[in-house]
Amino acid sequence: MKTFETMPPTNARAAVRLGLLRFPPNGTGFPGRKGRPPKPYVVDARGAGALPGLRRLIVDALKHRISNFGGIEAVAGLATSGMIWGALVAEACGLPYATIRLDGPRPSGLRREIEGEIRGLRTILVDNWIRSGESLVQAALIARREEVDVAGTLVISGRIPEDFALPILTAFPLGDLERAAVAEGRLDPALIQSNQHRIN
């Protein structure tokens, strides 16, 4: 599946300077997932909304990426981490917004899996990060079951699985962020080449 990763350079150095990447204060690394080696940095997509300058940079990058799909009529954010970014970029683009609940319909009230009417609209799905891609695939299945026209997916950053089945764009490709961190003197290039820190 084409992922559109070869796109005009993003302002990755600005993202690094503004705090999208977090580096351990003592240089020992952040704990790895499931016993994996320590990581020399973390992409703090969850906390980025607290920084106005970084938030604007991310929303601008997401908006720019959406234009590559063409004809997008709505934005859907994945609960919970994609909600803020989906809503912000929908507002920036002047598009309808909906939230996709991955844990099933609400047990009360309207009992919806999709909060917001986007049926029949050409829609982009938004999340903060991609690792395995399972959440995005699940969201696409839910959306299509509700007759939403899923055009593709959009994340702030992450590692795209080689067999990922949906069109996807990243606002800041992880390789761009790593190279920017090296250029800023925040990351040892040997750590990138080792592949030991990969965020999987």
C-alpha atoms as a PDB file:
ATOM      1  CA  MET A   1       0.000   0.000   0.000  1.00  0.00           C
ATOM      2  CA  LYS A   2       1.373   3.402  -0.936  1.00  0.00           C
ATOM      3  CA  THR A   3       2.167   5.422   2.179  1.00  0.00           C
ATOM      4  CA  PHE A   4       3.133   8.796   0.681  1.00  0.00           C
ATOM      5  CA  GLU A   5       6.231   8.929   2.907  1.00  0.00           C
ATOM      6  CA  THR A   6       8.279  10.558   0.118  1.00  0.00           C
ATOM      7  CA  MET A   7       6.819  14.029   0.398  1.00  0.00           C
ATOM      8  CA  PRO A   8       8.227  17.557   0.633  1.00  0.00           C
ATOM      9  CA  PRO A   9      10.355  17.944   3.788  1.00  0.00           C
ATOM     10  CA  THR A  10       8.448  18.739   6.944  1.00  0.00           C
ATOM     11  CA  ASN A  11       9.569  21.286   9.483  1.00  0.00           C
ATOM     12  CA  ALA A  12      10.988  18.509  11.632  1.00  0.00           C
ATOM     13  CA  ARG A  13      13.707  20.653  13.195  1.00  0.00           C
ATOM     14  CA  ALA A  14      11.075  23.081  14.470  1.00  0.00           C
ATOM     15  CA  ALA A  15       9.122  20.150  15.904  1.00  0.00           C
ATOM     16  CA  VAL A  16      12.233  18.923  17.720  1.00  0.00           C
ATOM     17  CA  ARG A  17      13.033  22.395  19.048  1.00  0.00           C
ATOM     18  CA  LEU A  18       9.460  22.870  20.267  1.00  0.00           C
ATOM     19  CA  GLY A  19       9.454  19.595  22.192  1.00  0.00           C
ATOM     20  CA  LEU A  20       7.821  16.872  20.087  1.00  0.00           C
ATOM     21  CA  LEU A  21      10.757  14.609  20.945  1.00  0.00           C
ATOM     22  CA  ARG A  22      11.596  14.136  24.609  1.00  0.00           C
ATOM     23  CA  PHE A  23      15.097  13.149  25.676  1.00  0.00           C
ATOM     24  CA  PRO A  24      16.046  11.562  29.024  1.00  0.00           C
ATOM     25  CA  PRO A  25      17.721  14.061  31.357  1.00  0.00           C
ATOM     26  CA  ASN A  26      20.373  11.607  32.519  1.00  0.00           C
ATOM     27  CA  GLY A  27      21.167  10.126  29.113  1.00  0.00           C
ATOM     28  CA  THR A  28      20.345   6.556  30.159  1.00  0.00           C
ATOM     29  CA  GLY A  29      17.249   6.265  27.998  1.00  0.00           C
ATOM     30  CA  PHE A  30      13.541   5.783  28.598  1.00  0.00           C
ATOM     31  CA  PRO A  31      12.283   2.293  29.520  1.00  0.00           C
ATOM     32  CA  GLY A  32      11.516   0.161  26.474  1.00  0.00           C
ATOM     33  CA  ARG A  33       8.230  -1.628  25.915  1.00  0.00           C
ATOM     34  CA  LYS A  34       7.895  -5.267  26.987  1.00  0.00           C
ATOM     35  CA  GLY A  35      11.504  -5.646  28.056  1.00  0.00           C
ATOM     36  CA  ARG A  36      13.029  -4.071  24.965  1.00  0.00           C
ATOM     37  CA  PRO A  37      16.214  -1.956  25.258  1.00  0.00           C
ATOM     38  CA  PRO A  38      15.951   1.611  26.589  1.00  0.00           C
ATOM     39  CA  LYS A  39      14.984   4.293  24.060  1.00  0.00           C
ATOM     40  CA  PRO A  40      17.086   7.454  23.612  1.00  0.00           C
ATOM     41  CA  TYR A  41      13.973   9.522  22.915  1.00  0.00           C
ATOM     42  CA  VAL A  42      10.186   9.426  22.990  1.00  0.00           C
ATOM     43  CA  VAL A  43       7.818  11.127  20.551  1.00  0.00           C
ATOM     44  CA  ASP A  44       5.498  12.910  22.970  1.00  0.00           C
ATOM     45  CA  ALA A  45       2.471  13.143  20.691  1.00  0.00           C
ATOM     46  CA  ARG A  46       0.124  12.772  23.669  1.00  0.00           C
ATOM     47  CA  GLY A  47       1.582  15.741  25.523  1.00  0.00           C
ATOM     48  CA  ALA A  48       2.168  17.993  22.515  1.00  0.00           C
ATOM     49  CA  GLY A  49      -1.233  19.650  22.805  1.00  0.00           C
ATOM     50  CA  ALA A  50      -0.102  21.462  25.958  1.00  0.00           C
ATOM     51  CA  LEU A  51       2.458  23.503  23.987  1.00  0.00           C
ATOM     52  CA  PRO A  52       0.700  26.143  21.826  1.00  0.00           C
ATOM     53  CA  GLY A  53       3.545  26.626  19.350  1.00  0.00           C
ATOM     54  CA  LEU A  54       4.034  22.895  18.840  1.00  0.00           C
ATOM     55  CA  ARG A  55       0.278  22.356  18.665  1.00  0.00           C
ATOM     56  CA  ARG A  56      -0.017  24.890  15.836  1.00  0.00           C
ATOM     57  CA  LEU A  57       2.921  23.317  13.995  1.00  0.00           C
ATOM     58  CA  ILE A  58       1.367  19.859  14.205  1.00  0.00           C
ATOM     59  CA  VAL A  59      -2.080  21.023  13.090  1.00  0.00           C
ATOM     60  CA  ASP A  60      -0.547  22.878  10.134  1.00  0.00           C
ATOM     61  CA  ALA A  61       1.388  19.737   9.158  1.00  0.00           C
ATOM     62  CA  LEU A  62      -1.707  17.538   9.446  1.00  0.00           C
ATOM     63  CA  LYS A  63      -3.719  20.011   7.373  1.00  0.00           C
ATOM     64  CA  HIS A  64      -1.021  20.027   4.696  1.00  0.00           C
ATOM     65  CA  ARG A  65      -0.995  16.227   4.585  1.00  0.00           C
ATOM     66  CA  ILE A  66      -4.776  16.003   4.240  1.00  0.00           C
ATOM     67  CA  SER A  67      -4.579  18.035   1.047  1.00  0.00           C
ATOM     68  CA  ASN A  68      -2.629  15.173  -0.548  1.00  0.00           C
ATOM     69  CA  PHE A  69      -5.633  12.872  -0.387  1.00  0.00           C
ATOM     70  CA  GLY A  70      -7.883  15.249  -2.313  1.00  0.00           C
ATOM     71  CA  GLY A  71     -11.605  15.728  -1.849  1.00  0.00           C
ATOM     72  CA  ILE A  72     -11.726  15.036   1.892  1.00  0.00           C
ATOM     73  CA  GLU A  73     -15.185  15.875   3.273  1.00  0.00           C
ATOM     74  CA  ALA A  74     -14.815  14.930   6.951  1.00  0.00           C
ATOM     75  CA  VAL A  75     -12.323  14.037   9.673  1.00  0.00           C
ATOM     76  CA  ALA A  76     -12.707  11.265  12.251  1.00  0.00           C
ATOM     77  CA  GLY A  77     -10.475  11.031  15.322  1.00  0.00           C
ATOM     78  CA  LEU A  78      -9.825   7.755  17.111  1.00  0.00           C
ATOM     79  CA  ALA A  79     -10.783   7.676  20.781  1.00  0.00           C
ATOM     80  CA  THR A  80      -8.946   8.656  22.770  1.00  0.00           C
ATOM     81  CA  SER A  81      -5.541   9.782  21.511  1.00  0.00           C
ATOM     82  CA  GLY A  82      -6.696  10.898  18.077  1.00  0.00           C
ATOM     83  CA  MET A  83      -9.643  12.958  19.281  1.00  0.00           C
ATOM     84  CA  ILE A  84      -7.871  16.235  20.011  1.00  0.00           C
ATOM     85  CA  TRP A  85      -5.836  16.166  16.789  1.00  0.00           C
ATOM     86  CA  GLY A  86      -8.762  15.121  14.637  1.00  0.00           C
ATOM     87  CA  ALA A  87     -10.939  17.892  16.062  1.00  0.00           C
ATOM     88  CA  LEU A  88      -8.208  20.524  15.704  1.00  0.00           C
ATOM     89  CA  VAL A  89      -7.417  19.669  12.094  1.00  0.00           C
ATOM     90  CA  ALA A  90     -11.122  19.437  11.203  1.00  0.00           C
ATOM     91  CA  GLU A  91     -11.575  22.941  12.606  1.00  0.00           C
ATOM     92  CA  ALA A  92      -8.535  24.178  10.673  1.00  0.00           C
ATOM     93  CA  CYS A  93      -9.940  22.703   7.457  1.00  0.00           C
ATOM     94  CA  GLY A  94     -13.552  23.739   8.082  1.00  0.00           C
ATOM     95  CA  LEU A  95     -14.733  20.119   7.912  1.00  0.00           C
ATOM     96  CA  PRO A  96     -17.223  18.015   9.888  1.00  0.00           C
ATOM     97  CA  TYR A  97     -15.701  16.007  12.738  1.00  0.00           C
ATOM     98  CA  ALA A  98     -16.622  12.717  14.390  1.00  0.00           C
ATOM     99  CA  THR A  99     -15.076  10.473  17.047  1.00  0.00           C
ATOM    100  CA  ILE A 100     -14.745   6.728  16.480  1.00  0.00           C
ATOM    101  CA  ARG A 101     -15.072   4.643  19.647  1.00  0.00           C
ATOM    102  CA  LEU A 102     -12.893   1.539  19.464  1.00  0.00           C
ATOM    103  CA  ASP A 103     -14.351  -0.063  22.611  1.00  0.00           C
ATOM    104  CA  GLY A 104     -17.862  -0.384  21.226  1.00  0.00           C
ATOM    105  CA  PRO A 105     -21.001   1.758  21.381  1.00  0.00           C
ATOM    106  CA  ARG A 106     -21.757   3.812  24.466  1.00  0.00           C
ATOM    107  CA  PRO A 107     -23.800   1.717  26.921  1.00  0.00           C
ATOM    108  CA  SER A 108     -26.326   4.533  27.355  1.00  0.00           C
ATOM    109  CA  GLY A 109     -27.820   7.455  25.479  1.00  0.00           C
ATOM    110  CA  LEU A 110     -27.560   7.198  21.696  1.00  0.00           C
ATOM    111  CA  ARG A 111     -25.291   4.123  21.901  1.00  0.00           C
ATOM    112  CA  ARG A 112     -23.139   5.172  18.981  1.00  0.00           C
ATOM    113  CA  GLU A 113     -19.743   3.881  17.890  1.00  0.00           C
ATOM    114  CA  ILE A 114     -19.284   6.984  15.746  1.00  0.00           C
ATOM    115  CA  GLU A 115     -20.062  10.223  17.573  1.00  0.00           C
ATOM    116  CA  GLY A 116     -20.982  12.628  14.779  1.00  0.00           C
ATOM    117  CA  GLU A 117     -22.792  12.140  11.470  1.00  0.00           C
ATOM    118  CA  ILE A 118     -20.292  11.459   8.661  1.00  0.00           C
ATOM    119  CA  ARG A 119     -22.129   8.700   6.822  1.00  0.00           C
ATOM    120  CA  GLY A 120     -21.386   8.794   3.083  1.00  0.00           C
ATOM    121  CA  LEU A 121     -18.611  11.387   3.436  1.00  0.00           C
ATOM    122  CA  ARG A 122     -15.074  10.901   2.141  1.00  0.00           C
ATOM    123  CA  THR A 123     -13.253  10.798   5.460  1.00  0.00           C
ATOM    124  CA  ILE A 124      -9.697  10.775   6.807  1.00  0.00           C
ATOM    125  CA  LEU A 125      -9.028   8.892  10.058  1.00  0.00           C
ATOM    126  CA  VAL A 126      -6.671  10.600  12.523  1.00  0.00           C
ATOM    127  CA  ASP A 127      -4.615   9.175  15.384  1.00  0.00           C
ATOM    128  CA  ASN A 128      -1.589  10.449  17.248  1.00  0.00           C
ATOM    129  CA  TRP A 129       0.777   7.542  16.540  1.00  0.00           C
ATOM    130  CA  ILE A 130       1.139   4.297  14.605  1.00  0.00           C
ATOM    131  CA  ARG A 131       2.918   1.205  15.838  1.00  0.00           C
ATOM    132  CA  SER A 132       1.107  -1.937  14.704  1.00  0.00           C
ATOM    133  CA  GLY A 133      -1.714  -0.104  12.919  1.00  0.00           C
ATOM    134  CA  GLU A 134      -4.365  -2.304  14.529  1.00  0.00           C
ATOM    135  CA  SER A 135      -6.348   0.612  15.960  1.00  0.00           C
ATOM    136  CA  LEU A 136      -6.542   2.368  12.599  1.00  0.00           C
ATOM    137  CA  VAL A 137      -7.617  -0.828  10.846  1.00  0.00           C
ATOM    138  CA  GLN A 138     -10.297  -1.405  13.504  1.00  0.00           C
ATOM    139  CA  ALA A 139     -11.509   2.182  13.141  1.00  0.00           C
ATOM    140  CA  ALA A 140     -11.711   1.793   9.364  1.00  0.00           C
ATOM    141  CA  LEU A 141     -13.818  -1.360   9.746  1.00  0.00           C
ATOM    142  CA  ILE A 142     -16.190   0.428  12.132  1.00  0.00           C
ATOM    143  CA  ALA A 143     -16.445   3.426   9.812  1.00  0.00           C
ATOM    144  CA  ARG A 144     -17.098   1.359   6.701  1.00  0.00           C
ATOM    145  CA  ARG A 145     -19.732  -0.658   8.529  1.00  0.00           C
ATOM    146  CA  GLU A 146     -21.485   2.671   9.151  1.00  0.00           C
ATOM    147  CA  GLU A 147     -21.178   3.558   5.428  1.00  0.00           C
ATOM    148  CA  VAL A 148     -18.374   6.082   5.877  1.00  0.00           C
ATOM    149  CA  ASP A 149     -16.121   6.444   2.823  1.00  0.00           C
ATOM    150  CA  VAL A 150     -12.653   5.963   4.355  1.00  0.00           C
ATOM    151  CA  ALA A 151     -10.100   7.679   2.119  1.00  0.00           C
ATOM    152  CA  GLY A 152      -7.078   6.967   4.297  1.00  0.00           C
ATOM    153  CA  THR A 153      -5.379   7.540   7.620  1.00  0.00           C
ATOM    154  CA  LEU A 154      -3.232  10.255   9.146  1.00  0.00           C
ATOM    155  CA  VAL A 155      -0.950  10.245  12.197  1.00  0.00           C
ATOM    156  CA  ILE A 156       1.506  12.656  13.756  1.00  0.00           C
ATOM    157  CA  SER A 157       4.356  10.154  13.531  1.00  0.00           C
ATOM    158  CA  GLY A 158       5.295   6.513  14.055  1.00  0.00           C
ATOM    159  CA  ARG A 159       6.612   3.457  12.279  1.00  0.00           C
ATOM    160  CA  ILE A 160       4.367   2.205   9.508  1.00  0.00           C
ATOM    161  CA  PRO A 161       4.186  -1.598   9.237  1.00  0.00           C
ATOM    162  CA  GLU A 162       5.289  -2.868   5.838  1.00  0.00           C
ATOM    163  CA  ASP A 163       2.018  -4.739   5.359  1.00  0.00           C
ATOM    164  CA  PHE A 164      -0.260  -1.899   6.510  1.00  0.00           C
ATOM    165  CA  ALA A 165      -3.407  -2.179   4.425  1.00  0.00           C
ATOM    166  CA  LEU A 166      -4.616   1.446   4.364  1.00  0.00           C
ATOM    167  CA  PRO A 167      -3.284   4.589   2.677  1.00  0.00           C
ATOM    168  CA  ILE A 168      -1.431   6.533   5.367  1.00  0.00           C
ATOM    169  CA  LEU A 169       0.386   9.816   5.830  1.00  0.00           C
ATOM    170  CA  THR A 170       2.496  10.994   8.739  1.00  0.00           C
ATOM    171  CA  ALA A 171       2.715  14.672   9.640  1.00  0.00           C
ATOM    172  CA  PHE A 172       6.330  14.139  10.689  1.00  0.00           C
ATOM    173  CA  PRO A 173       7.943  10.954   9.337  1.00  0.00           C
ATOM    174  CA  LEU A 174      10.018   9.431  12.124  1.00  0.00           C
ATOM    175  CA  GLY A 175      13.158   9.418   9.995  1.00  0.00           C
ATOM    176  CA  ASP A 176      12.800  13.183   9.502  1.00  0.00           C
ATOM    177  CA  LEU A 177      12.505  13.691  13.264  1.00  0.00           C
ATOM    178  CA  GLU A 178      15.543  11.526  13.955  1.00  0.00           C
ATOM    179  CA  ARG A 179      17.675  13.358  11.412  1.00  0.00           C
ATOM    180  CA  ALA A 180      16.488  16.674  12.814  1.00  0.00           C
ATOM    181  CA  ALA A 181      17.401  15.582  16.339  1.00  0.00           C
ATOM    182  CA  VAL A 182      20.884  14.637  15.128  1.00  0.00           C
ATOM    183  CA  ALA A 183      21.242  18.005  13.372  1.00  0.00           C
ATOM    184  CA  GLU A 184      20.169  19.750  16.587  1.00  0.00           C
ATOM    185  CA  GLY A 185      22.779  17.844  18.572  1.00  0.00           C
ATOM    186  CA  ARG A 186      20.149  16.049  20.654  1.00  0.00           C
ATOM    187  CA  LEU A 187      20.591  12.514  19.337  1.00  0.00           C
ATOM    188  CA  ASP A 188      23.643  10.354  18.656  1.00  0.00           C
ATOM    189  CA  PRO A 189      23.465   9.128  15.029  1.00  0.00           C
ATOM    190  CA  ALA A 190      24.903   5.787  16.123  1.00  0.00           C
ATOM    191  CA  LEU A 191      21.711   5.156  18.073  1.00  0.00           C
ATOM    192  CA  ILE A 192      19.658   5.525  14.912  1.00  0.00           C
ATOM    193  CA  GLN A 193      21.884   3.155  12.966  1.00  0.00           C
ATOM    194  CA  SER A 194      21.786   0.519  15.701  1.00  0.00           C
ATOM    195  CA  ASN A 195      17.996   0.068  15.366  1.00  0.00           C
ATOM    196  CA  GLN A 196      17.972  -1.005  19.030  1.00  0.00           C
ATOM    197  CA  HIS A 197      15.797   1.920  20.084  1.00  0.00           C
ATOM    198  CA  ARG A 198      13.038   1.344  17.543  1.00  0.00           C
ATOM    199  CA  ILE A 199       9.679   2.165  19.033  1.00  0.00           C
ATOM    200  CA  ASN A 200       7.693  -1.009  18.448  1.00  0.00           C
END
